[in-house]
Amino acid sequence: MISNVSTMLRVLSLNIDSRNKKRIPIPINILTVAVCSIYIYTYVISGFWFTFWRCQQTGDMAAAMVAFSLNVASEVAVIKLFYMIFNEKLFKDLTDKYLACDSRTVPGSRFASNMTKALRNVKMRAVGYWIVLMVNAVLYIMKPFFAHGRHLAWDGFVVLGLDPMLESPNYEIATAVTAISVHFICFTVANVSGFIIVLVGYTEAQMLSLSEEVTHLWGDANNHYQKIMNDLSKLESVYLKNNKVSDSWKETDILHEYIRKHLIVIIRRHAVNVSLLKEVESTMRGPNAVGFLFLIIGLVAELLGGLKNTILEVPFTLTQLGVDCFLGQKIMDANLKFERAVYDCKWECFNQFNKKIVLVMLQNSQKTMTLTAGGMVTLSFSYFMNIIRSSYSAYTTLGSMI
């Protein structure tokens, strides 16, 4: 999955995989700069001009809100992209750490099998998110072509220097730059967020797989003991005929030694995953804080502009907010499952040393793994509902003033 995401991000002149030593082709860099420049002129420069100058003259506050929402909600993608490009080495190091963690997985093991199942869901999550955003872009651009006469994606918006918008060649130019800008924004959001979905999803998969390992630990230890005894009896080892040596093969010693080794592996894996998630959180703290602020402001502006004008913008904004909150909720759920698995691992059958390890694991698991919006709030389903409620409250309060 990392390879797939890396390939898509290279189209945006960003390389997050240190294994790929090839330089990004110059035409790709030129194309990225050109398309990004078109977006900045169409929605940032023209958006601010339209909102704070054109609409002030016409007095159309609803149009100003729609243009402002387009500007603010779309800027999140460019902010995150520029941040990742300027900190490319930081993201390469982060990717390398995830790959190093994955390299410790033993192929063919139950842990590897559970990881594969969980990562399949993560892949579907990332692909589904990508498809939703790109379909949204296509619908936004295609909408005018199903209406009679000449129409734009939003007829009320004027690109600086292209007034009147519905006359040739302004109409053709406006249609082209709008299509390029919208697809650039949706493609950027889909792939940048897709990268985060894969990283966080991998940590979630690790936690779910570790939960299964902890749950089956006592049963695995007993199976291990039975296997040793069966192998020795089949070989008719001389050690079994010697009572003194036979006494040393105590069932409890074999069980607890097996449990000790596997508990140490599990607690180390858990610590690595906690560290990786914290690194993802700290690396994206700034862009996430700005992004959430912009998206919430954009959502309120979209409501103020009227749903008839922003019917395809609202899903774009809500999808970004919803997916981030969904990821935060899933990582908390995986952590909770691990915590319950630790308590349910039949620790009462362990010796004192192993019980102490379990106690440390339980204490560590009770420090819930979370994702935050720039360290300000914890992302979860409840926070997503708070966003909806507070955005609607802001809309009803400000709506009477516009």
Protein backbone atom coordinates (compact mmCIF):
# COMPACT_ATOMS: atom_id res chain seq x y z
CA MET A 1 0.00 0.00 0.00
CA ILE A 2 2.87 2.37 0.75
CA SER A 3 4.18 1.81 -2.76
CA ASN A 4 0.79 2.65 -4.28
CA VAL A 5 0.43 5.83 -2.23
CA SER A 6 4.03 6.80 -2.98
CA THR A 7 3.40 6.44 -6.72
CA MET A 8 0.33 8.68 -6.55
CA LEU A 9 2.16 11.31 -4.50
CA ARG A 10 5.04 11.39 -6.98
CA VAL A 11 2.54 12.83 -9.47
CA LEU A 12 2.38 15.79 -7.06
CA SER A 13 6.21 16.06 -6.97
CA LEU A 14 6.40 14.41 -3.55
CA ASN A 15 8.47 11.31 -2.77
CA ILE A 16 7.76 9.77 0.65
CA ASP A 17 9.46 6.40 -0.01
CA SER A 18 13.25 6.36 0.43
CA ARG A 19 13.39 3.00 -1.40
CA ASN A 20 12.51 4.82 -4.61
CA LYS A 21 15.82 6.41 -5.63
CA LYS A 22 14.58 7.74 -8.96
CA ARG A 23 14.28 11.49 -9.21
CA ILE A 24 10.86 12.87 -9.98
CA PRO A 25 10.85 13.79 -13.71
CA ILE A 26 11.19 17.48 -14.51
CA PRO A 27 7.95 17.52 -16.60
CA ILE A 28 6.06 16.30 -13.50
CA ASN A 29 7.51 19.15 -11.43
CA ILE A 30 6.63 21.68 -14.13
CA LEU A 31 3.10 20.28 -14.40
CA THR A 32 2.61 20.42 -10.63
CA VAL A 33 3.78 24.05 -10.46
CA ALA A 34 1.59 25.02 -13.42
CA VAL A 35 -1.55 23.33 -12.10
CA CYS A 36 -0.98 24.66 -8.58
CA SER A 37 -0.51 28.18 -9.98
CA ILE A 38 -3.79 27.89 -11.89
CA TYR A 39 -5.57 26.84 -8.68
CA ILE A 40 -4.03 29.67 -6.64
CA TYR A 41 -5.08 32.26 -9.21
CA THR A 42 -8.57 30.80 -9.72
CA TYR A 43 -9.61 30.16 -6.12
CA VAL A 44 -7.19 31.97 -3.81
CA ILE A 45 -6.44 35.28 -5.55
CA SER A 46 -9.74 35.50 -7.43
CA GLY A 47 -11.60 34.13 -4.41
CA PHE A 48 -10.33 36.85 -2.07
CA TRP A 49 -10.92 39.52 -4.70
CA PHE A 50 -14.48 38.31 -5.32
CA THR A 51 -15.29 37.95 -1.61
CA PHE A 52 -13.82 41.15 -0.22
CA TRP A 53 -14.11 43.55 -3.19
CA ARG A 54 -16.62 42.44 -5.82
CA CYS A 55 -19.30 41.30 -3.36
CA GLN A 56 -18.80 44.41 -1.23
CA GLN A 57 -19.79 46.46 -4.27
CA THR A 58 -22.78 44.30 -5.22
CA GLY A 59 -23.88 43.67 -1.63
CA ASP A 60 -24.42 39.95 -2.35
CA MET A 61 -23.35 38.40 0.96
CA ALA A 62 -24.62 34.92 0.03
CA ALA A 63 -22.31 34.88 -3.01
CA ALA A 64 -19.46 36.13 -0.81
CA MET A 65 -20.02 33.22 1.59
CA VAL A 66 -20.01 30.66 -1.24
CA ALA A 67 -16.78 32.07 -2.68
CA PHE A 68 -15.23 32.25 0.78
CA SER A 69 -16.16 28.62 1.48
CA LEU A 70 -14.61 27.52 -1.83
CA ASN A 71 -11.44 29.38 -0.96
CA VAL A 72 -11.07 28.22 2.64
CA ALA A 73 -12.10 24.55 2.22
CA SER A 74 -9.84 24.03 -0.80
CA GLU A 75 -6.74 25.62 0.74
CA VAL A 76 -6.34 22.74 3.19
CA ALA A 77 -5.05 20.46 0.42
CA VAL A 78 -2.38 22.91 -0.74
CA ILE A 79 -1.27 23.68 2.83
CA LYS A 80 -0.72 19.98 3.56
CA LEU A 81 0.97 19.36 0.21
CA PHE A 82 3.43 22.24 0.63
CA TYR A 83 4.14 21.16 4.21
CA MET A 84 4.93 17.61 3.09
CA ILE A 85 7.11 18.80 0.19
CA PHE A 86 9.13 21.13 2.43
CA ASN A 87 9.47 18.35 5.05
CA GLU A 88 9.96 15.47 2.62
CA LYS A 89 12.85 13.91 4.57
CA LEU A 90 10.72 13.87 7.72
CA PHE A 91 8.04 11.85 5.95
CA LYS A 92 10.61 9.54 4.37
CA ASP A 93 11.97 8.75 7.84
CA LEU A 94 8.45 8.12 9.10
CA THR A 95 7.73 5.76 6.21
CA ASP A 96 11.02 3.94 6.83
CA LYS A 97 10.07 3.36 10.47
CA TYR A 98 6.74 1.84 9.44
CA LEU A 99 8.48 -0.37 6.89
CA ALA A 100 11.02 -1.46 9.53
CA CYS A 101 8.16 -2.33 11.87
CA ASP A 102 6.49 -4.36 9.13
CA SER A 103 9.72 -6.23 8.37
CA ARG A 104 9.58 -7.84 11.84
CA THR A 105 6.35 -9.66 10.97
CA VAL A 106 6.94 -13.39 10.46
CA PRO A 107 5.35 -14.51 7.16
CA GLY A 108 2.80 -17.29 7.52
CA SER A 109 2.19 -16.67 11.22
CA ARG A 110 -1.23 -16.02 12.74
CA PHE A 111 -0.12 -12.46 13.42
CA ALA A 112 0.72 -11.99 9.73
CA SER A 113 -2.63 -13.50 8.71
CA ASN A 114 -4.55 -11.17 11.02
CA MET A 115 -2.51 -8.22 9.76
CA THR A 116 -3.42 -9.09 6.17
CA LYS A 117 -7.13 -9.21 7.01
CA ALA A 118 -7.02 -5.89 8.86
CA LEU A 119 -4.93 -4.19 6.17
CA ARG A 120 -7.40 -5.32 3.53
CA ASN A 121 -10.01 -3.18 5.30
CA VAL A 122 -7.54 -0.29 5.49
CA LYS A 123 -6.92 -0.54 1.75
CA MET A 124 -10.65 -0.51 1.02
CA ARG A 125 -10.97 2.52 3.28
CA ALA A 126 -8.28 4.45 1.41
CA VAL A 127 -9.60 3.43 -2.03
CA GLY A 128 -13.17 4.32 -1.07
CA TYR A 129 -12.08 7.74 0.18
CA TRP A 130 -10.15 8.37 -3.04
CA ILE A 131 -13.10 7.36 -5.22
CA VAL A 132 -15.59 9.51 -3.27
CA LEU A 133 -13.47 12.64 -3.63
CA MET A 134 -12.68 12.13 -7.30
CA VAL A 135 -16.33 11.37 -8.14
CA ASN A 136 -17.25 14.55 -6.27
CA ALA A 137 -14.82 16.50 -8.48
CA VAL A 138 -16.23 14.99 -11.68
CA LEU A 139 -19.83 15.72 -10.64
CA TYR A 140 -18.94 19.31 -9.73
CA ILE A 141 -17.39 19.93 -13.14
CA MET A 142 -20.01 18.00 -15.15
CA LYS A 143 -23.04 19.60 -13.48
CA PRO A 144 -23.17 22.66 -15.85
CA PHE A 145 -23.18 20.45 -18.96
CA PHE A 146 -26.55 18.96 -17.99
CA ALA A 147 -28.24 22.37 -17.88
CA HIS A 148 -29.60 24.35 -20.83
CA GLY A 149 -27.41 27.13 -22.16
CA ARG A 150 -24.00 28.20 -20.93
CA HIS A 151 -23.33 27.56 -17.28
CA LEU A 152 -20.31 27.25 -15.02
CA ALA A 153 -19.75 25.09 -11.95
CA TRP A 154 -21.16 28.06 -10.04
CA ASP A 155 -22.53 30.89 -12.14
CA GLY A 156 -22.24 33.46 -9.37
CA PHE A 157 -18.43 33.33 -9.22
CA VAL A 158 -16.20 35.60 -11.30
CA VAL A 159 -12.53 34.81 -11.95
CA LEU A 160 -10.41 37.94 -11.81
CA GLY A 161 -9.92 39.25 -15.37
CA LEU A 162 -12.56 37.01 -16.97
CA ASP A 163 -15.64 39.20 -16.63
CA PRO A 164 -18.09 38.66 -18.34
CA MET A 165 -17.71 34.95 -17.62
CA LEU A 166 -20.29 33.57 -20.06
CA GLU A 167 -18.87 35.15 -23.20
CA SER A 168 -16.19 33.55 -25.39
CA PRO A 169 -13.30 33.10 -24.86
CA ASN A 170 -13.79 33.86 -21.15
CA TYR A 171 -16.30 31.02 -20.81
CA GLU A 172 -13.94 28.41 -22.25
CA ILE A 173 -11.00 29.67 -20.18
CA ALA A 174 -13.08 29.76 -16.97
CA THR A 175 -14.38 26.23 -17.58
CA ALA A 176 -10.85 24.92 -18.18
CA VAL A 177 -9.20 26.57 -15.16
CA THR A 178 -12.10 25.55 -12.90
CA ALA A 179 -11.87 21.92 -14.04
CA ILE A 180 -8.09 21.87 -13.56
CA SER A 181 -8.30 23.50 -10.13
CA VAL A 182 -11.08 21.26 -8.81
CA HIS A 183 -9.42 18.04 -9.95
CA PHE A 184 -6.07 19.21 -8.56
CA ILE A 185 -7.59 19.92 -5.15
CA CYS A 186 -9.54 16.66 -4.93
CA PHE A 187 -6.59 14.61 -6.20
CA THR A 188 -4.27 16.26 -3.68
CA VAL A 189 -6.63 15.77 -0.74
CA ALA A 190 -7.32 12.15 -1.73
CA ASN A 191 -3.64 11.20 -1.89
CA VAL A 192 -2.28 13.21 1.03
CA SER A 193 -5.07 11.96 3.28
CA GLY A 194 -4.69 8.49 1.77
CA PHE A 195 -1.11 8.42 3.03
CA ILE A 196 -2.29 9.22 6.56
CA ILE A 197 -5.09 6.65 6.29
CA VAL A 198 -2.52 3.96 5.43
CA LEU A 199 -0.17 4.87 8.29
CA VAL A 200 -2.87 5.12 10.95
CA GLY A 201 -4.61 2.05 9.53
CA TYR A 202 -1.39 0.06 9.81
CA THR A 203 -1.11 0.96 13.50
CA GLU A 204 -4.75 -0.04 13.97
CA ALA A 205 -4.08 -3.37 12.24
CA GLN A 206 -1.07 -3.98 14.49
CA MET A 207 -3.13 -3.33 17.62
CA LEU A 208 -5.95 -5.63 16.49
CA SER A 209 -3.46 -8.39 15.63
CA LEU A 210 -1.66 -7.98 18.95
CA SER A 211 -5.02 -8.32 20.70
CA GLU A 212 -5.47 -11.72 19.06
CA GLU A 213 -1.96 -12.77 20.09
CA VAL A 214 -2.60 -11.81 23.72
CA THR A 215 -5.98 -13.54 23.77
CA HIS A 216 -4.53 -16.84 22.49
CA LEU A 217 -1.30 -16.67 24.50
CA TRP A 218 -2.26 -19.20 27.20
CA GLY A 219 -3.66 -21.64 24.65
CA ASP A 220 -0.55 -21.25 22.48
CA ALA A 221 1.66 -21.98 25.49
CA ASN A 222 -0.23 -25.21 26.21
CA ASN A 223 -0.03 -26.25 22.57
CA HIS A 224 3.69 -25.51 22.62
CA TYR A 225 4.15 -27.73 25.69
CA GLN A 226 2.17 -30.57 24.14
CA LYS A 227 4.20 -30.31 20.94
CA ILE A 228 7.48 -30.54 22.86
CA MET A 229 6.29 -33.58 24.80
CA ASN A 230 5.01 -35.30 21.66
CA ASP A 231 8.24 -34.63 19.78
CA LEU A 232 10.34 -36.00 22.63
CA SER A 233 8.19 -39.10 23.00
CA LYS A 234 8.36 -39.81 19.26
CA LEU A 235 12.13 -39.59 19.30
CA GLU A 236 12.22 -41.79 22.39
CA SER A 237 14.76 -39.47 23.88
CA VAL A 238 17.02 -40.90 26.55
CA TYR A 239 16.33 -37.84 28.64
CA LEU A 240 12.81 -39.05 29.31
CA LYS A 241 14.19 -42.28 30.73
CA ASN A 242 16.37 -40.41 33.17
CA ASN A 243 14.21 -39.33 36.10
CA LYS A 244 16.53 -36.50 37.13
CA VAL A 245 16.54 -34.94 33.69
CA SER A 246 12.85 -35.66 33.25
CA ASP A 247 12.09 -33.75 36.43
CA SER A 248 13.67 -30.66 34.88
CA TRP A 249 11.05 -30.69 32.10
CA LYS A 250 8.31 -29.27 34.28
CA GLU A 251 5.15 -28.22 32.52
CA THR A 252 4.98 -24.90 34.38
CA ASP A 253 8.56 -23.99 33.45
CA ILE A 254 7.94 -24.60 29.75
CA LEU A 255 4.63 -22.74 29.82
CA HIS A 256 5.90 -19.69 31.67
CA GLU A 257 9.09 -19.44 29.63
CA TYR A 258 7.05 -19.49 26.41
CA ILE A 259 4.68 -16.87 27.83
CA ARG A 260 7.57 -14.69 29.02
CA LYS A 261 9.20 -14.59 25.59
CA HIS A 262 5.96 -13.79 23.79
CA LEU A 263 4.89 -11.17 26.33
CA ILE A 264 8.18 -9.36 25.79
CA VAL A 265 7.65 -9.45 22.01
CA ILE A 266 4.09 -8.13 22.39
CA ILE A 267 5.00 -5.34 24.81
CA ARG A 268 7.82 -4.22 22.51
CA ARG A 269 5.52 -4.19 19.48
CA HIS A 270 2.97 -2.22 21.45
CA ALA A 271 5.59 0.34 22.47
CA VAL A 272 6.76 0.69 18.85
CA ASN A 273 3.21 1.30 17.63
CA VAL A 274 2.55 3.88 20.34
CA SER A 275 5.76 5.64 19.32
CA LEU A 276 4.88 5.55 15.60
CA LEU A 277 1.41 6.96 16.18
CA LYS A 278 2.83 9.75 18.34
CA GLU A 279 5.28 10.55 15.55
CA VAL A 280 2.47 10.74 12.99
CA GLU A 281 0.56 12.97 15.38
CA SER A 282 3.49 15.31 16.05
CA THR A 283 4.51 15.44 12.38
CA MET A 284 1.03 16.44 11.17
CA ARG A 285 0.07 18.54 14.19
CA GLY A 286 0.45 21.93 12.51
CA PRO A 287 -1.29 21.11 9.19
CA ASN A 288 -4.06 19.23 10.99
CA ALA A 289 -4.78 22.17 13.29
CA VAL A 290 -4.95 24.64 10.40
CA GLY A 291 -6.85 22.15 8.25
CA PHE A 292 -9.57 21.50 10.81
CA LEU A 293 -9.98 25.21 11.50
CA PHE A 294 -10.32 25.97 7.79
CA LEU A 295 -12.72 23.08 7.16
CA ILE A 296 -15.02 24.05 10.02
CA ILE A 297 -15.04 27.70 8.90
CA GLY A 298 -15.65 26.50 5.34
CA LEU A 299 -18.57 24.31 6.47
CA VAL A 300 -20.26 27.24 8.22
CA ALA A 301 -19.69 29.44 5.15
CA GLU A 302 -21.18 26.75 2.89
CA LEU A 303 -24.33 26.67 5.01
CA LEU A 304 -24.54 30.46 4.97
CA GLY A 305 -24.14 30.50 1.20
CA GLY A 306 -27.17 28.23 0.79
CA LEU A 307 -27.22 24.51 0.09
CA LYS A 308 -28.61 25.11 -3.40
CA ASN A 309 -25.25 26.72 -4.24
CA THR A 310 -22.99 24.42 -2.20
CA ILE A 311 -24.70 21.03 -2.54
CA LEU A 312 -21.46 19.42 -3.82
CA GLU A 313 -19.10 21.41 -1.60
CA VAL A 314 -20.65 20.22 1.67
CA PRO A 315 -19.90 16.50 0.97
CA PHE A 316 -16.31 17.46 0.08
CA THR A 317 -15.85 19.22 3.43
CA LEU A 318 -17.76 16.68 5.52
CA THR A 319 -15.87 13.77 3.96
CA GLN A 320 -12.54 15.22 5.08
CA LEU A 321 -13.78 15.97 8.59
CA GLY A 322 -15.59 12.64 8.86
CA VAL A 323 -12.66 10.50 7.72
CA ASP A 324 -10.25 12.14 10.17
CA CYS A 325 -12.71 11.60 13.03
CA PHE A 326 -13.31 8.03 11.81
CA LEU A 327 -9.57 7.28 11.93
CA GLY A 328 -9.35 8.69 15.45
CA GLN A 329 -12.29 6.55 16.57
CA LYS A 330 -10.90 3.38 14.97
CA ILE A 331 -7.51 3.76 16.64
CA MET A 332 -9.21 4.27 20.03
CA ASP A 333 -11.38 1.19 19.44
CA ALA A 334 -8.30 -0.88 18.55
CA ASN A 335 -6.56 0.33 21.70
CA LEU A 336 -9.62 -0.56 23.80
CA LYS A 337 -9.72 -4.05 22.27
CA PHE A 338 -6.04 -4.53 23.14
CA GLU A 339 -6.65 -3.37 26.71
CA ARG A 340 -9.51 -5.85 27.13
CA ALA A 341 -7.44 -8.62 25.56
CA VAL A 342 -4.62 -8.01 28.04
CA TYR A 343 -7.02 -8.32 30.97
CA ASP A 344 -8.61 -11.42 29.41
CA CYS A 345 -5.36 -13.31 28.69
CA LYS A 346 -5.76 -15.68 31.68
CA TRP A 347 -3.02 -13.80 33.53
CA GLU A 348 -4.14 -15.47 36.77
CA CYS A 349 -2.46 -18.67 35.49
CA PHE A 350 0.91 -16.94 34.98
CA ASN A 351 3.84 -16.87 37.39
CA GLN A 352 4.72 -13.70 39.31
CA PHE A 353 7.25 -12.42 36.78
CA ASN A 354 4.82 -12.74 33.87
CA LYS A 355 2.04 -11.19 35.94
CA LYS A 356 4.22 -8.12 36.41
CA ILE A 357 4.75 -7.88 32.65
CA VAL A 358 0.98 -8.12 32.12
CA LEU A 359 0.45 -5.39 34.71
CA VAL A 360 2.85 -3.09 32.86
CA MET A 361 1.10 -3.90 29.56
CA LEU A 362 -2.28 -3.14 31.12
CA GLN A 363 -1.07 0.19 32.48
CA ASN A 364 0.39 1.11 29.08
CA SER A 365 -2.77 0.09 27.22
CA GLN A 366 -4.90 2.29 29.49
CA LYS A 367 -3.09 5.32 28.07
CA THR A 368 -5.46 5.52 25.12
CA MET A 369 -3.91 5.96 21.69
CA THR A 370 -5.56 8.95 20.04
CA LEU A 371 -5.41 11.27 17.05
CA THR A 372 -5.99 14.96 17.62
CA ALA A 373 -6.70 18.06 15.57
CA GLY A 374 -3.37 19.75 16.19
CA GLY A 375 -3.32 18.70 19.84
CA MET A 376 -6.47 20.71 20.57
CA VAL A 377 -9.25 18.09 20.52
CA THR A 378 -9.38 14.30 20.27
CA LEU A 379 -10.81 13.05 16.98
CA SER A 380 -13.74 10.67 17.39
CA PHE A 381 -17.34 10.13 16.34
CA SER A 382 -18.53 12.26 19.26
CA TYR A 383 -16.30 15.13 18.15
CA PHE A 384 -17.65 14.83 14.61
CA MET A 385 -21.17 15.23 15.97
CA ASN A 386 -19.96 18.24 17.98
CA ILE A 387 -18.67 19.76 14.73
CA ILE A 388 -22.06 19.26 13.06
CA ARG A 389 -23.92 20.69 16.04
CA SER A 390 -21.64 23.70 16.54
CA SER A 391 -21.53 24.44 12.79
CA TYR A 392 -25.30 24.46 12.60
CA SER A 393 -25.49 26.67 15.69
CA ALA A 394 -23.05 29.11 14.11
CA TYR A 395 -25.08 29.02 10.90
CA THR A 396 -28.36 29.82 12.65
CA THR A 397 -26.71 32.61 14.64
CA LEU A 398 -24.96 34.24 11.69
CA GLY A 399 -27.75 33.50 9.20
CA SER A 400 -30.00 36.13 10.74
CA MET A 401 -27.25 38.72 10.31
CA ILE A 402 -26.72 38.13 6.57
